[in-house]
């Protein structure tokens, strides 16, 4: 049978890897292909459990996508920013303030970061079914490939990770998977680009945790992502070619009763030898189904032994839909209350949300 023919597209040339000696975060590299068997999952579960409990971050390799396939998706990700006229792109603007949704295009300088400084993030976000929203003309020939990429992230990376996290809590393997259905009502973003993300000075996006349960970041060479390590120090996340960086977000923190940490992270200016290059990224932001109430899974034998850390009473806990819309509407658009040591706070749905500025 003849092979599949894909439409041609311009190649994106990534930045060279930095040569600077930086302080790197150390967290495990997980061969996710081992999760295909029960024996492999039993071996990986404690490693993933400890990594997500301690750091909230880990690396994924052997995920089933070749380096060439990865590069093609990066080439596709560049289309909205190089082949779509500005006026056309504006027609697909995200309804962030109105609807609490990132779907579509977000221009630069939409958010206020601090002291009147506005962001330099430009992104185009697609909800996982892909075909349920309108897209620029230049992107349309590639929608089937983007849909396949979304399914790969969901079924071959997200679901195996969720099974390992459930095993780490001594829950049935599909306890988290059943809350993350590809075709369910909700939003999971296949974000095709985050361009020129750093800002003047040393602080990029206000350091904080992600909204959802799991974030999948396809590793790219511009060194700008930092995590707050357990010792309270900021350390860089190192680039692994064709690797994936996975971290836990607020929703996972709530569902796991504080067992799996929503890691504080930020994006800052890259090293001197990478400045002037674009940081072009592929992200899969995973959220539970809209109807899922973000209460701890108290049936976990592990939580029964170590205790549950609740952010609020169970009856007051928001649903995934309530949490994502509140967080989306508020970020960079609302006033924060300044606390000590650069921490800023806001209250959403009765929960205190901290920004480490």
C-alpha atoms as a PDB file:
ATOM      1  CA  UNK A   1       0.000   0.000   0.000  1.00  0.00           C
ATOM      2  CA  UNK A   2       1.278   3.512  -0.741  1.00  0.00           C
ATOM      3  CA  UNK A   3       2.328   5.607   2.234  1.00  0.00           C
ATOM      4  CA  UNK A   4       0.343   8.557   3.488  1.00  0.00           C
ATOM      5  CA  UNK A   5       1.145  11.801   1.684  1.00  0.00           C
ATOM      6  CA  UNK A   6       1.096  14.944   3.806  1.00  0.00           C
ATOM      7  CA  UNK A   7       0.859  18.496   2.455  1.00  0.00           C
ATOM      8  CA  UNK A   8       4.222  20.296   2.300  1.00  0.00           C
ATOM      9  CA  UNK A   9       5.094  23.119   4.667  1.00  0.00           C
ATOM     10  CA  UNK A  10       7.988  25.395   5.549  1.00  0.00           C
ATOM     11  CA  UNK A  11      10.539  24.034   8.014  1.00  0.00           C
ATOM     12  CA  UNK A  12      11.072  25.841  11.313  1.00  0.00           C
ATOM     13  CA  UNK A  13      14.719  26.020  12.371  1.00  0.00           C
ATOM     14  CA  UNK A  14      14.959  25.810  16.186  1.00  0.00           C
ATOM     15  CA  UNK A  15      17.470  27.673  18.292  1.00  0.00           C
ATOM     16  CA  UNK A  16      20.814  26.022  19.089  1.00  0.00           C
ATOM     17  CA  UNK A  17      21.152  24.482  22.530  1.00  0.00           C
ATOM     18  CA  UNK A  18      22.727  26.803  25.101  1.00  0.00           C
ATOM     19  CA  UNK A  19      26.373  26.275  25.957  1.00  0.00           C
ATOM     20  CA  UNK A  20      26.074  28.013  29.312  1.00  0.00           C
ATOM     21  CA  UNK A  21      26.561  26.060  32.517  1.00  0.00           C
ATOM     22  CA  UNK A  22      23.246  26.468  34.356  1.00  0.00           C
ATOM     23  CA  UNK A  23      21.695  25.093  37.506  1.00  0.00           C
ATOM     24  CA  UNK A  24      19.532  22.240  36.236  1.00  0.00           C
ATOM     25  CA  UNK A  25      16.554  20.676  37.978  1.00  0.00           C
ATOM     26  CA  UNK A  26      17.011  16.964  38.578  1.00  0.00           C
ATOM     27  CA  UNK A  27      13.955  14.762  38.160  1.00  0.00           C
ATOM     28  CA  UNK A  28      13.388  11.273  36.724  1.00  0.00           C
ATOM     29  CA  UNK A  29      13.288  10.257  33.062  1.00  0.00           C
ATOM     30  CA  UNK A  30      10.422   7.806  32.498  1.00  0.00           C
ATOM     31  CA  UNK A  31      10.403   5.313  29.618  1.00  0.00           C
ATOM     32  CA  UNK A  32       6.649   5.385  29.092  1.00  0.00           C
ATOM     33  CA  UNK A  33       6.755   2.403  26.704  1.00  0.00           C
ATOM     34  CA  UNK A  34       7.226   0.243  29.815  1.00  0.00           C
ATOM     35  CA  UNK A  35       3.717   1.221  30.934  1.00  0.00           C
ATOM     36  CA  UNK A  36       2.228  -0.987  28.214  1.00  0.00           C
ATOM     37  CA  UNK A  37       2.373  -4.042  30.512  1.00  0.00           C
ATOM     38  CA  UNK A  38       1.110  -4.633  34.035  1.00  0.00           C
ATOM     39  CA  UNK A  39       4.637  -5.532  35.133  1.00  0.00           C
ATOM     40  CA  UNK A  40       6.003  -2.325  33.643  1.00  0.00           C
ATOM     41  CA  UNK A  41       3.340  -0.202  35.327  1.00  0.00           C
ATOM     42  CA  UNK A  42       4.083  -1.826  38.666  1.00  0.00           C
ATOM     43  CA  UNK A  43       7.763  -0.931  38.220  1.00  0.00           C
ATOM     44  CA  UNK A  44       7.131   2.649  37.092  1.00  0.00           C
ATOM     45  CA  UNK A  45       4.331   3.561  39.509  1.00  0.00           C
ATOM     46  CA  UNK A  46       6.495   4.218  42.601  1.00  0.00           C
ATOM     47  CA  UNK A  47       9.006   6.224  40.553  1.00  0.00           C
ATOM     48  CA  UNK A  48       6.273   8.422  39.062  1.00  0.00           C
ATOM     49  CA  UNK A  49       4.550   8.680  42.447  1.00  0.00           C
ATOM     50  CA  UNK A  50       7.687   9.921  44.174  1.00  0.00           C
ATOM     51  CA  UNK A  51       8.604  12.316  41.347  1.00  0.00           C
ATOM     52  CA  UNK A  52       5.182  13.930  41.242  1.00  0.00           C
ATOM     53  CA  UNK A  53       4.989  14.074  45.024  1.00  0.00           C
ATOM     54  CA  UNK A  54       8.442  15.594  45.428  1.00  0.00           C
ATOM     55  CA  UNK A  55       8.940  17.720  42.301  1.00  0.00           C
ATOM     56  CA  UNK A  56       5.626  17.693  40.464  1.00  0.00           C
ATOM     57  CA  UNK A  57       7.707  17.271  37.273  1.00  0.00           C
ATOM     58  CA  UNK A  58       9.206  14.410  35.256  1.00  0.00           C
ATOM     59  CA  UNK A  59      10.562  13.652  31.780  1.00  0.00           C
ATOM     60  CA  UNK A  60       8.932  11.211  29.349  1.00  0.00           C
ATOM     61  CA  UNK A  61      10.799   9.358  26.574  1.00  0.00           C
ATOM     62  CA  UNK A  62       9.914   6.524  24.166  1.00  0.00           C
ATOM     63  CA  UNK A  63       6.388   7.905  23.790  1.00  0.00           C
ATOM     64  CA  UNK A  64       5.827   6.591  20.268  1.00  0.00           C
ATOM     65  CA  UNK A  65       6.424   9.741  18.218  1.00  0.00           C
ATOM     66  CA  UNK A  66       9.598   9.889  16.137  1.00  0.00           C
ATOM     67  CA  UNK A  67      11.868  12.918  16.101  1.00  0.00           C
ATOM     68  CA  UNK A  68      10.845  13.593  12.488  1.00  0.00           C
ATOM     69  CA  UNK A  69       7.156  13.525  13.454  1.00  0.00           C
ATOM     70  CA  UNK A  70       7.899  15.858  16.356  1.00  0.00           C
ATOM     71  CA  UNK A  71       9.693  18.294  14.029  1.00  0.00           C
ATOM     72  CA  UNK A  72       6.759  18.276  11.601  1.00  0.00           C
ATOM     73  CA  UNK A  73       4.348  19.205  14.390  1.00  0.00           C
ATOM     74  CA  UNK A  74       6.638  22.099  15.324  1.00  0.00           C
ATOM     75  CA  UNK A  75       6.579  23.195  11.672  1.00  0.00           C
ATOM     76  CA  UNK A  76       2.767  23.112  11.768  1.00  0.00           C
ATOM     77  CA  UNK A  77       2.800  25.060  15.039  1.00  0.00           C
ATOM     78  CA  UNK A  78       4.600  27.905  13.330  1.00  0.00           C
ATOM     79  CA  UNK A  79       1.894  28.382  10.671  1.00  0.00           C
ATOM     80  CA  UNK A  80      -0.469  30.699  12.606  1.00  0.00           C
ATOM     81  CA  UNK A  81       2.392  33.119  13.251  1.00  0.00           C
ATOM     82  CA  UNK A  82       4.120  33.135   9.875  1.00  0.00           C
ATOM     83  CA  UNK A  83       1.467  32.338   7.265  1.00  0.00           C
ATOM     84  CA  UNK A  84      -1.725  33.937   8.574  1.00  0.00           C
ATOM     85  CA  UNK A  85      -2.311  37.675   8.026  1.00  0.00           C
ATOM     86  CA  UNK A  86      -2.723  39.599  11.264  1.00  0.00           C
ATOM     87  CA  UNK A  87      -6.255  40.703  10.435  1.00  0.00           C
ATOM     88  CA  UNK A  88      -7.330  37.116   9.737  1.00  0.00           C
ATOM     89  CA  UNK A  89      -5.686  35.870  12.940  1.00  0.00           C
ATOM     90  CA  UNK A  90      -7.619  38.431  14.985  1.00  0.00           C
ATOM     91  CA  UNK A  91     -10.872  36.858  13.745  1.00  0.00           C
ATOM     92  CA  UNK A  92      -9.989  33.802  15.826  1.00  0.00           C
ATOM     93  CA  UNK A  93      -9.257  35.658  19.077  1.00  0.00           C
ATOM     94  CA  UNK A  94      -9.784  33.721  22.309  1.00  0.00           C
ATOM     95  CA  UNK A  95     -12.812  34.555  24.477  1.00  0.00           C
ATOM     96  CA  UNK A  96     -10.703  34.833  27.607  1.00  0.00           C
ATOM     97  CA  UNK A  97     -12.524  37.570  29.484  1.00  0.00           C
ATOM     98  CA  UNK A  98     -15.987  36.823  28.122  1.00  0.00           C
ATOM     99  CA  UNK A  99     -16.046  33.040  28.279  1.00  0.00           C
ATOM    100  CA  UNK A 100     -13.024  31.932  30.276  1.00  0.00           C
ATOM    101  CA  UNK A 101     -11.673  30.000  27.295  1.00  0.00           C
ATOM    102  CA  UNK A 102      -8.251  29.992  25.639  1.00  0.00           C
ATOM    103  CA  UNK A 103      -9.517  28.516  22.370  1.00  0.00           C
ATOM    104  CA  UNK A 104      -8.096  30.452  19.439  1.00  0.00           C
ATOM    105  CA  UNK A 105      -5.520  33.214  19.243  1.00  0.00           C
ATOM    106  CA  UNK A 106      -4.136  35.283  22.123  1.00  0.00           C
ATOM    107  CA  UNK A 107      -2.011  38.262  21.054  1.00  0.00           C
ATOM    108  CA  UNK A 108       0.892  39.689  22.976  1.00  0.00           C
ATOM    109  CA  UNK A 109       0.377  42.283  25.715  1.00  0.00           C
ATOM    110  CA  UNK A 110      -3.062  40.966  26.664  1.00  0.00           C
ATOM    111  CA  UNK A 111      -2.099  40.266  30.294  1.00  0.00           C
ATOM    112  CA  UNK A 112      -0.630  42.630  32.871  1.00  0.00           C
ATOM    113  CA  UNK A 113       2.285  40.986  34.652  1.00  0.00           C
ATOM    114  CA  UNK A 114       3.403  43.613  37.165  1.00  0.00           C
ATOM    115  CA  UNK A 115       3.832  47.387  37.475  1.00  0.00           C
ATOM    116  CA  UNK A 116       2.272  48.021  34.087  1.00  0.00           C
ATOM    117  CA  UNK A 117       4.517  45.500  32.293  1.00  0.00           C
ATOM    118  CA  UNK A 118       2.499  43.420  29.831  1.00  0.00           C
ATOM    119  CA  UNK A 119       3.177  39.918  28.557  1.00  0.00           C
ATOM    120  CA  UNK A 120       4.966  38.921  25.360  1.00  0.00           C
ATOM    121  CA  UNK A 121       3.185  35.582  24.926  1.00  0.00           C
ATOM    122  CA  UNK A 122       1.510  34.866  21.609  1.00  0.00           C
ATOM    123  CA  UNK A 123      -0.322  31.565  21.293  1.00  0.00           C
ATOM    124  CA  UNK A 124      -2.892  29.676  19.290  1.00  0.00           C
ATOM    125  CA  UNK A 125      -4.891  27.091  21.249  1.00  0.00           C
ATOM    126  CA  UNK A 126      -7.018  24.291  19.845  1.00  0.00           C
ATOM    127  CA  UNK A 127      -9.535  22.274  21.859  1.00  0.00           C
ATOM    128  CA  UNK A 128      -8.721  18.581  21.523  1.00  0.00           C
ATOM    129  CA  UNK A 129     -11.496  17.570  19.015  1.00  0.00           C
ATOM    130  CA  UNK A 130      -9.866  20.192  16.705  1.00  0.00           C
ATOM    131  CA  UNK A 131     -12.733  20.270  14.194  1.00  0.00           C
ATOM    132  CA  UNK A 132     -15.259  21.838  16.598  1.00  0.00           C
ATOM    133  CA  UNK A 133     -13.760  25.300  16.183  1.00  0.00           C
ATOM    134  CA  UNK A 134     -12.941  27.442  13.174  1.00  0.00           C
ATOM    135  CA  UNK A 135      -9.325  27.887  12.088  1.00  0.00           C
ATOM    136  CA  UNK A 136      -7.324  30.140   9.752  1.00  0.00           C
ATOM    137  CA  UNK A 137      -7.211  29.065   6.125  1.00  0.00           C
ATOM    138  CA  UNK A 138      -3.488  28.305   6.154  1.00  0.00           C
ATOM    139  CA  UNK A 139      -3.917  25.847   9.046  1.00  0.00           C
ATOM    140  CA  UNK A 140      -6.821  23.875   7.615  1.00  0.00           C
ATOM    141  CA  UNK A 141      -4.818  21.409   5.441  1.00  0.00           C
ATOM    142  CA  UNK A 142      -3.091  20.201   8.619  1.00  0.00           C
ATOM    143  CA  UNK A 143      -6.074  19.723  10.939  1.00  0.00           C
ATOM    144  CA  UNK A 144      -6.120  15.943  10.559  1.00  0.00           C
ATOM    145  CA  UNK A 145      -2.489  15.777  11.644  1.00  0.00           C
ATOM    146  CA  UNK A 146      -3.199  18.055  14.614  1.00  0.00           C
ATOM    147  CA  UNK A 147      -6.136  15.827  15.616  1.00  0.00           C
ATOM    148  CA  UNK A 148      -3.883  12.746  15.445  1.00  0.00           C
ATOM    149  CA  UNK A 149      -1.314  14.586  17.579  1.00  0.00           C
ATOM    150  CA  UNK A 150      -3.990  15.435  20.163  1.00  0.00           C
ATOM    151  CA  UNK A 151      -5.084  11.791  20.308  1.00  0.00           C
ATOM    152  CA  UNK A 152      -1.469  10.671  20.676  1.00  0.00           C
ATOM    153  CA  UNK A 153      -0.964  13.016  23.625  1.00  0.00           C
ATOM    154  CA  UNK A 154      -4.237  11.957  25.225  1.00  0.00           C
ATOM    155  CA  UNK A 155      -4.074   8.194  24.851  1.00  0.00           C
ATOM    156  CA  UNK A 156      -0.334   7.454  24.654  1.00  0.00           C
ATOM    157  CA  UNK A 157       1.031   9.929  27.200  1.00  0.00           C
ATOM    158  CA  UNK A 158      -1.742  11.350  29.401  1.00  0.00           C
ATOM    159  CA  UNK A 159      -3.639   8.117  30.073  1.00  0.00           C
ATOM    160  CA  UNK A 160      -0.517   6.049  30.917  1.00  0.00           C
ATOM    161  CA  UNK A 161       0.623   8.789  33.308  1.00  0.00           C
ATOM    162  CA  UNK A 162      -2.831   8.928  34.923  1.00  0.00           C
ATOM    163  CA  UNK A 163      -2.797   5.146  35.418  1.00  0.00           C
ATOM    164  CA  UNK A 164       0.592   5.332  37.106  1.00  0.00           C
ATOM    165  CA  UNK A 165      -0.591   8.161  39.361  1.00  0.00           C
ATOM    166  CA  UNK A 166      -3.662   6.135  40.327  1.00  0.00           C
ATOM    167  CA  UNK A 167      -1.492   3.136  41.176  1.00  0.00           C
ATOM    168  CA  UNK A 168       0.667   5.436  43.290  1.00  0.00           C
ATOM    169  CA  UNK A 169      -2.450   6.164  45.378  1.00  0.00           C
ATOM    170  CA  UNK A 170      -3.400   2.447  45.421  1.00  0.00           C
ATOM    171  CA  UNK A 171      -6.532   3.234  43.431  1.00  0.00           C
ATOM    172  CA  UNK A 172      -7.927   1.263  40.468  1.00  0.00           C
ATOM    173  CA  UNK A 173      -5.790   1.997  37.406  1.00  0.00           C
ATOM    174  CA  UNK A 174      -8.508   3.914  35.579  1.00  0.00           C
ATOM    175  CA  UNK A 175      -9.575   6.077  38.524  1.00  0.00           C
ATOM    176  CA  UNK A 176      -8.105   9.226  36.930  1.00  0.00           C
ATOM    177  CA  UNK A 177      -8.496   8.057  33.324  1.00  0.00           C
ATOM    178  CA  UNK A 178     -12.269   7.889  33.791  1.00  0.00           C
ATOM    179  CA  UNK A 179     -12.240  11.603  34.595  1.00  0.00           C
ATOM    180  CA  UNK A 180     -10.384  12.462  31.361  1.00  0.00           C
ATOM    181  CA  UNK A 181     -12.517  11.366  28.415  1.00  0.00           C
ATOM    182  CA  UNK A 182     -11.415  12.626  25.002  1.00  0.00           C
ATOM    183  CA  UNK A 183     -14.965  13.261  23.769  1.00  0.00           C
ATOM    184  CA  UNK A 184     -16.472  14.476  27.048  1.00  0.00           C
ATOM    185  CA  UNK A 185     -17.714  18.000  27.683  1.00  0.00           C
ATOM    186  CA  UNK A 186     -14.732  20.057  28.764  1.00  0.00           C
ATOM    187  CA  UNK A 187     -11.570  21.680  27.492  1.00  0.00           C
ATOM    188  CA  UNK A 188      -8.089  20.335  26.971  1.00  0.00           C
ATOM    189  CA  UNK A 189      -5.838  22.594  24.936  1.00  0.00           C
ATOM    190  CA  UNK A 190      -3.487  21.517  22.203  1.00  0.00           C
ATOM    191  CA  UNK A 191      -1.527  24.779  22.226  1.00  0.00           C
ATOM    192  CA  UNK A 192       0.465  25.067  19.065  1.00  0.00           C
ATOM    193  CA  UNK A 193       2.707  27.959  19.954  1.00  0.00           C
ATOM    194  CA  UNK A 194       4.030  30.105  22.741  1.00  0.00           C
ATOM    195  CA  UNK A 195       6.225  32.668  21.074  1.00  0.00           C
ATOM    196  CA  UNK A 196       8.749  35.120  22.568  1.00  0.00           C
ATOM    197  CA  UNK A 197       7.424  34.266  26.002  1.00  0.00           C
ATOM    198  CA  UNK A 198       9.974  36.060  28.165  1.00  0.00           C
ATOM    199  CA  UNK A 199       9.654  39.643  29.356  1.00  0.00           C
ATOM    200  CA  UNK A 200      11.953  42.516  30.212  1.00  0.00           C
ATOM    201  CA  UNK A 201      13.650  41.950  33.532  1.00  0.00           C
ATOM    202  CA  UNK A 202      13.824  38.598  35.251  1.00  0.00           C
ATOM    203  CA  UNK A 203      10.214  37.549  35.641  1.00  0.00           C
ATOM    204  CA  UNK A 204       8.219  36.040  32.811  1.00  0.00           C
ATOM    205  CA  UNK A 205       4.699  34.832  33.362  1.00  0.00           C
ATOM    206  CA  UNK A 206       3.823  35.273  37.019  1.00  0.00           C
ATOM    207  CA  UNK A 207       5.191  32.082  38.570  1.00  0.00           C
ATOM    208  CA  UNK A 208       2.271  29.854  39.486  1.00  0.00           C
ATOM    209  CA  UNK A 209       0.793  26.396  38.955  1.00  0.00           C
ATOM    210  CA  UNK A 210      -1.186  25.265  35.910  1.00  0.00           C
ATOM    211  CA  UNK A 211      -4.977  25.131  35.953  1.00  0.00           C
ATOM    212  CA  UNK A 212      -5.573  21.522  35.017  1.00  0.00           C
ATOM    213  CA  UNK A 213      -4.453  18.072  36.069  1.00  0.00           C
ATOM    214  CA  UNK A 214      -1.471  17.345  33.832  1.00  0.00           C
ATOM    215  CA  UNK A 215       0.536  19.524  31.441  1.00  0.00           C
ATOM    216  CA  UNK A 216       2.475  17.916  28.596  1.00  0.00           C
ATOM    217  CA  UNK A 217       5.262  20.116  27.222  1.00  0.00           C
ATOM    218  CA  UNK A 218       7.221  18.914  24.211  1.00  0.00           C
ATOM    219  CA  UNK A 219      10.817  19.759  24.989  1.00  0.00           C
ATOM    220  CA  UNK A 220      12.351  22.545  22.897  1.00  0.00           C
ATOM    221  CA  UNK A 221      15.876  23.975  23.008  1.00  0.00           C
ATOM    222  CA  UNK A 222      15.366  27.541  24.297  1.00  0.00           C
ATOM    223  CA  UNK A 223      16.250  27.343  27.994  1.00  0.00           C
ATOM    224  CA  UNK A 224      13.743  29.523  29.834  1.00  0.00           C
ATOM    225  CA  UNK A 225      11.519  27.248  31.931  1.00  0.00           C
ATOM    226  CA  UNK A 226      12.351  27.058  35.618  1.00  0.00           C
ATOM    227  CA  UNK A 227      10.728  25.157  38.455  1.00  0.00           C
ATOM    228  CA  UNK A 228      10.794  25.920  42.144  1.00  0.00           C
ATOM    229  CA  UNK A 229      12.747  23.004  43.595  1.00  0.00           C
ATOM    230  CA  UNK A 230      11.862  21.414  46.952  1.00  0.00           C
ATOM    231  CA  UNK A 231      14.643  23.472  48.565  1.00  0.00           C
ATOM    232  CA  UNK A 232      12.918  26.679  47.436  1.00  0.00           C
ATOM    233  CA  UNK A 233      15.467  27.509  44.716  1.00  0.00           C
ATOM    234  CA  UNK A 234      14.663  28.157  41.044  1.00  0.00           C
ATOM    235  CA  UNK A 235      16.311  25.693  38.635  1.00  0.00           C
ATOM    236  CA  UNK A 236      16.195  25.336  34.855  1.00  0.00           C
ATOM    237  CA  UNK A 237      14.499  22.461  33.039  1.00  0.00           C
ATOM    238  CA  UNK A 238      16.971  20.896  30.631  1.00  0.00           C
ATOM    239  CA  UNK A 239      16.094  20.187  26.999  1.00  0.00           C
ATOM    240  CA  UNK A 240      15.877  16.525  25.986  1.00  0.00           C
ATOM    241  CA  UNK A 241      15.552  16.065  22.190  1.00  0.00           C
ATOM    242  CA  UNK A 242      12.188  14.456  21.356  1.00  0.00           C
ATOM    243  CA  UNK A 243      11.465  14.292  25.077  1.00  0.00           C
ATOM    244  CA  UNK A 244       8.375  15.426  26.924  1.00  0.00           C
ATOM    245  CA  UNK A 245       8.188  17.356  30.191  1.00  0.00           C
ATOM    246  CA  UNK A 246       5.162  16.507  32.357  1.00  0.00           C
ATOM    247  CA  UNK A 247       3.956  18.409  35.397  1.00  0.00           C
ATOM    248  CA  UNK A 248       0.966  18.375  37.725  1.00  0.00           C
ATOM    249  CA  UNK A 249      -1.475  21.270  38.026  1.00  0.00           C
ATOM    250  CA  UNK A 250      -4.015  22.628  40.493  1.00  0.00           C
ATOM    251  CA  UNK A 251      -6.750  20.153  39.598  1.00  0.00           C
ATOM    252  CA  UNK A 252      -4.485  17.140  40.216  1.00  0.00           C
ATOM    253  CA  UNK A 253      -3.373  18.672  43.503  1.00  0.00           C
ATOM    254  CA  UNK A 254      -7.040  18.916  44.559  1.00  0.00           C
ATOM    255  CA  UNK A 255      -8.084  15.474  43.295  1.00  0.00           C
ATOM    256  CA  UNK A 256      -5.120  13.843  45.057  1.00  0.00           C
ATOM    257  CA  UNK A 257      -5.743  15.627  48.341  1.00  0.00           C
ATOM    258  CA  UNK A 258      -2.424  17.448  48.097  1.00  0.00           C
ATOM    259  CA  UNK A 259      -0.457  14.236  47.530  1.00  0.00           C
ATOM    260  CA  UNK A 260       0.660  15.180  44.002  1.00  0.00           C
ATOM    261  CA  UNK A 261       2.036  18.696  44.040  1.00  0.00           C
ATOM    262  CA  UNK A 262       1.002  21.430  41.627  1.00  0.00           C
ATOM    263  CA  UNK A 263       4.493  22.676  40.869  1.00  0.00           C
ATOM    264  CA  UNK A 264       5.288  26.372  40.837  1.00  0.00           C
ATOM    265  CA  UNK A 265       7.127  27.297  37.659  1.00  0.00           C
ATOM    266  CA  UNK A 266       7.986  30.314  35.550  1.00  0.00           C
ATOM    267  CA  UNK A 267       9.451  31.267  32.175  1.00  0.00           C
ATOM    268  CA  UNK A 268      12.231  33.870  32.210  1.00  0.00           C
ATOM    269  CA  UNK A 269      14.720  35.321  29.763  1.00  0.00           C
ATOM    270  CA  UNK A 270      16.911  32.638  28.198  1.00  0.00           C
ATOM    271  CA  UNK A 271      20.694  32.557  28.531  1.00  0.00           C
ATOM    272  CA  UNK A 272      22.654  35.217  26.658  1.00  0.00           C
ATOM    273  CA  UNK A 273      23.583  32.872  23.790  1.00  0.00           C
ATOM    274  CA  UNK A 274      19.895  32.152  23.057  1.00  0.00           C
ATOM    275  CA  UNK A 275      18.472  35.661  23.225  1.00  0.00           C
ATOM    276  CA  UNK A 276      17.011  36.816  19.947  1.00  0.00           C
ATOM    277  CA  UNK A 277      15.639  33.338  19.152  1.00  0.00           C
ATOM    278  CA  UNK A 278      11.950  32.517  19.198  1.00  0.00           C
ATOM    279  CA  UNK A 279      10.723  30.030  21.791  1.00  0.00           C
ATOM    280  CA  UNK A 280       8.270  27.967  19.759  1.00  0.00           C
ATOM    281  CA  UNK A 281       6.523  25.279  21.773  1.00  0.00           C
ATOM    282  CA  UNK A 282       3.990  22.465  21.647  1.00  0.00           C
ATOM    283  CA  UNK A 283       1.827  22.000  24.741  1.00  0.00           C
ATOM    284  CA  UNK A 284      -1.051  19.714  25.679  1.00  0.00           C
ATOM    285  CA  UNK A 285      -2.835  21.205  28.692  1.00  0.00           C
ATOM    286  CA  UNK A 286      -4.978  18.447  30.212  1.00  0.00           C
ATOM    287  CA  UNK A 287      -8.066  19.183  32.275  1.00  0.00           C
ATOM    288  CA  UNK A 288     -10.556  16.756  33.781  1.00  0.00           C
ATOM    289  CA  UNK A 289     -14.045  16.579  32.297  1.00  0.00           C
ATOM    290  CA  UNK A 290     -16.074  19.712  33.026  1.00  0.00           C
ATOM    291  CA  UNK A 291     -18.500  17.948  35.376  1.00  0.00           C
ATOM    292  CA  UNK A 292     -15.762  16.504  37.620  1.00  0.00           C
ATOM    293  CA  UNK A 293     -15.922  17.993  41.115  1.00  0.00           C
ATOM    294  CA  UNK A 294     -12.411  18.714  42.364  1.00  0.00           C
ATOM    295  CA  UNK A 295     -12.621  16.870  45.664  1.00  0.00           C
ATOM    296  CA  UNK A 296      -9.961  14.516  47.045  1.00  0.00           C
ATOM    297  CA  UNK A 297     -10.274  10.841  46.146  1.00  0.00           C
ATOM    298  CA  UNK A 298     -10.689   9.909  49.783  1.00  0.00           C
ATOM    299  CA  UNK A 299     -11.139   6.219  48.968  1.00  0.00           C
ATOM    300  CA  UNK A 300      -7.372   6.020  48.344  1.00  0.00           C
ATOM    301  CA  UNK A 301      -5.717   3.799  50.979  1.00  0.00           C
ATOM    302  CA  UNK A 302      -2.613   5.998  50.684  1.00  0.00           C
ATOM    303  CA  UNK A 303      -4.544   9.163  51.507  1.00  0.00           C
ATOM    304  CA  UNK A 304      -6.219   7.378  54.397  1.00  0.00           C
ATOM    305  CA  UNK A 305      -2.755   6.640  55.801  1.00  0.00           C
ATOM    306  CA  UNK A 306      -0.950   9.936  55.157  1.00  0.00           C
ATOM    307  CA  UNK A 307      -3.900  12.289  55.447  1.00  0.00           C
ATOM    308  CA  UNK A 308      -5.702  14.613  53.054  1.00  0.00           C
ATOM    309  CA  UNK A 309      -4.808  18.266  52.507  1.00  0.00           C
ATOM    310  CA  UNK A 310      -7.951  20.044  51.353  1.00  0.00           C
ATOM    311  CA  UNK A 311      -8.023  23.484  49.795  1.00  0.00           C
ATOM    312  CA  UNK A 312     -11.658  23.864  50.874  1.00  0.00           C
ATOM    313  CA  UNK A 313     -14.544  21.820  52.270  1.00  0.00           C
ATOM    314  CA  UNK A 314     -15.732  19.153  49.853  1.00  0.00           C
ATOM    315  CA  UNK A 315     -19.156  20.756  49.534  1.00  0.00           C
ATOM    316  CA  UNK A 316     -17.526  24.029  48.457  1.00  0.00           C
ATOM    317  CA  UNK A 317     -15.129  22.503  45.922  1.00  0.00           C
ATOM    318  CA  UNK A 318     -15.513  23.788  42.341  1.00  0.00           C
ATOM    319  CA  UNK A 319     -16.075  21.633  39.298  1.00  0.00           C
ATOM    320  CA  UNK A 320     -13.376  21.519  36.658  1.00  0.00           C
ATOM    321  CA  UNK A 321     -15.457  23.862  34.507  1.00  0.00           C
ATOM    322  CA  UNK A 322     -15.875  26.374  37.334  1.00  0.00           C
ATOM    323  CA  UNK A 323     -12.176  26.298  38.184  1.00  0.00           C
ATOM    324  CA  UNK A 324     -10.872  26.637  34.626  1.00  0.00           C
ATOM    325  CA  UNK A 325     -13.203  29.489  33.713  1.00  0.00           C
ATOM    326  CA  UNK A 326     -12.436  31.369  36.934  1.00  0.00           C
ATOM    327  CA  UNK A 327      -8.668  30.924  36.552  1.00  0.00           C
ATOM    328  CA  UNK A 328      -8.733  31.808  32.853  1.00  0.00           C
ATOM    329  CA  UNK A 329     -10.772  34.972  33.367  1.00  0.00           C
ATOM    330  CA  UNK A 330      -8.658  36.131  36.298  1.00  0.00           C
ATOM    331  CA  UNK A 331      -5.082  35.533  35.142  1.00  0.00           C
ATOM    332  CA  UNK A 332      -3.355  38.777  34.220  1.00  0.00           C
ATOM    333  CA  UNK A 333      -6.682  40.616  34.255  1.00  0.00           C
ATOM    334  CA  UNK A 334      -7.441  41.089  37.956  1.00  0.00           C
ATOM    335  CA  UNK A 335      -5.837  42.806  40.918  1.00  0.00           C
ATOM    336  CA  UNK A 336      -3.694  40.751  43.274  1.00  0.00           C
ATOM    337  CA  UNK A 337      -3.051  41.318  46.946  1.00  0.00           C
ATOM    338  CA  UNK A 338       0.657  41.657  47.662  1.00  0.00           C
ATOM    339  CA  UNK A 339       2.048  39.580  50.518  1.00  0.00           C
ATOM    340  CA  UNK A 340       5.560  39.014  51.859  1.00  0.00           C
ATOM    341  CA  UNK A 341       8.545  37.702  49.869  1.00  0.00           C
ATOM    342  CA  UNK A 342       7.081  38.578  46.481  1.00  0.00           C
ATOM    343  CA  UNK A 343       4.000  36.394  46.908  1.00  0.00           C
ATOM    344  CA  UNK A 344       0.717  37.775  45.546  1.00  0.00           C
ATOM    345  CA  UNK A 345      -2.694  36.288  46.262  1.00  0.00           C
ATOM    346  CA  UNK A 346      -6.184  36.250  44.853  1.00  0.00           C
ATOM    347  CA  UNK A 347      -9.277  34.327  45.921  1.00  0.00           C
ATOM    348  CA  UNK A 348     -11.211  32.281  43.370  1.00  0.00           C
ATOM    349  CA  UNK A 349     -14.222  30.182  44.379  1.00  0.00           C
ATOM    350  CA  UNK A 350     -13.160  30.624  47.986  1.00  0.00           C
ATOM    351  CA  UNK A 351      -9.693  29.187  47.292  1.00  0.00           C
ATOM    352  CA  UNK A 352      -6.525  31.205  47.811  1.00  0.00           C
ATOM    353  CA  UNK A 353      -4.394  31.216  44.674  1.00  0.00           C
ATOM    354  CA  UNK A 354      -0.754  32.234  45.093  1.00  0.00           C
ATOM    355  CA  UNK A 355       1.477  33.889  42.488  1.00  0.00           C
ATOM    356  CA  UNK A 356       5.231  33.842  43.142  1.00  0.00           C
ATOM    357  CA  UNK A 357       6.251  37.061  41.438  1.00  0.00           C
END
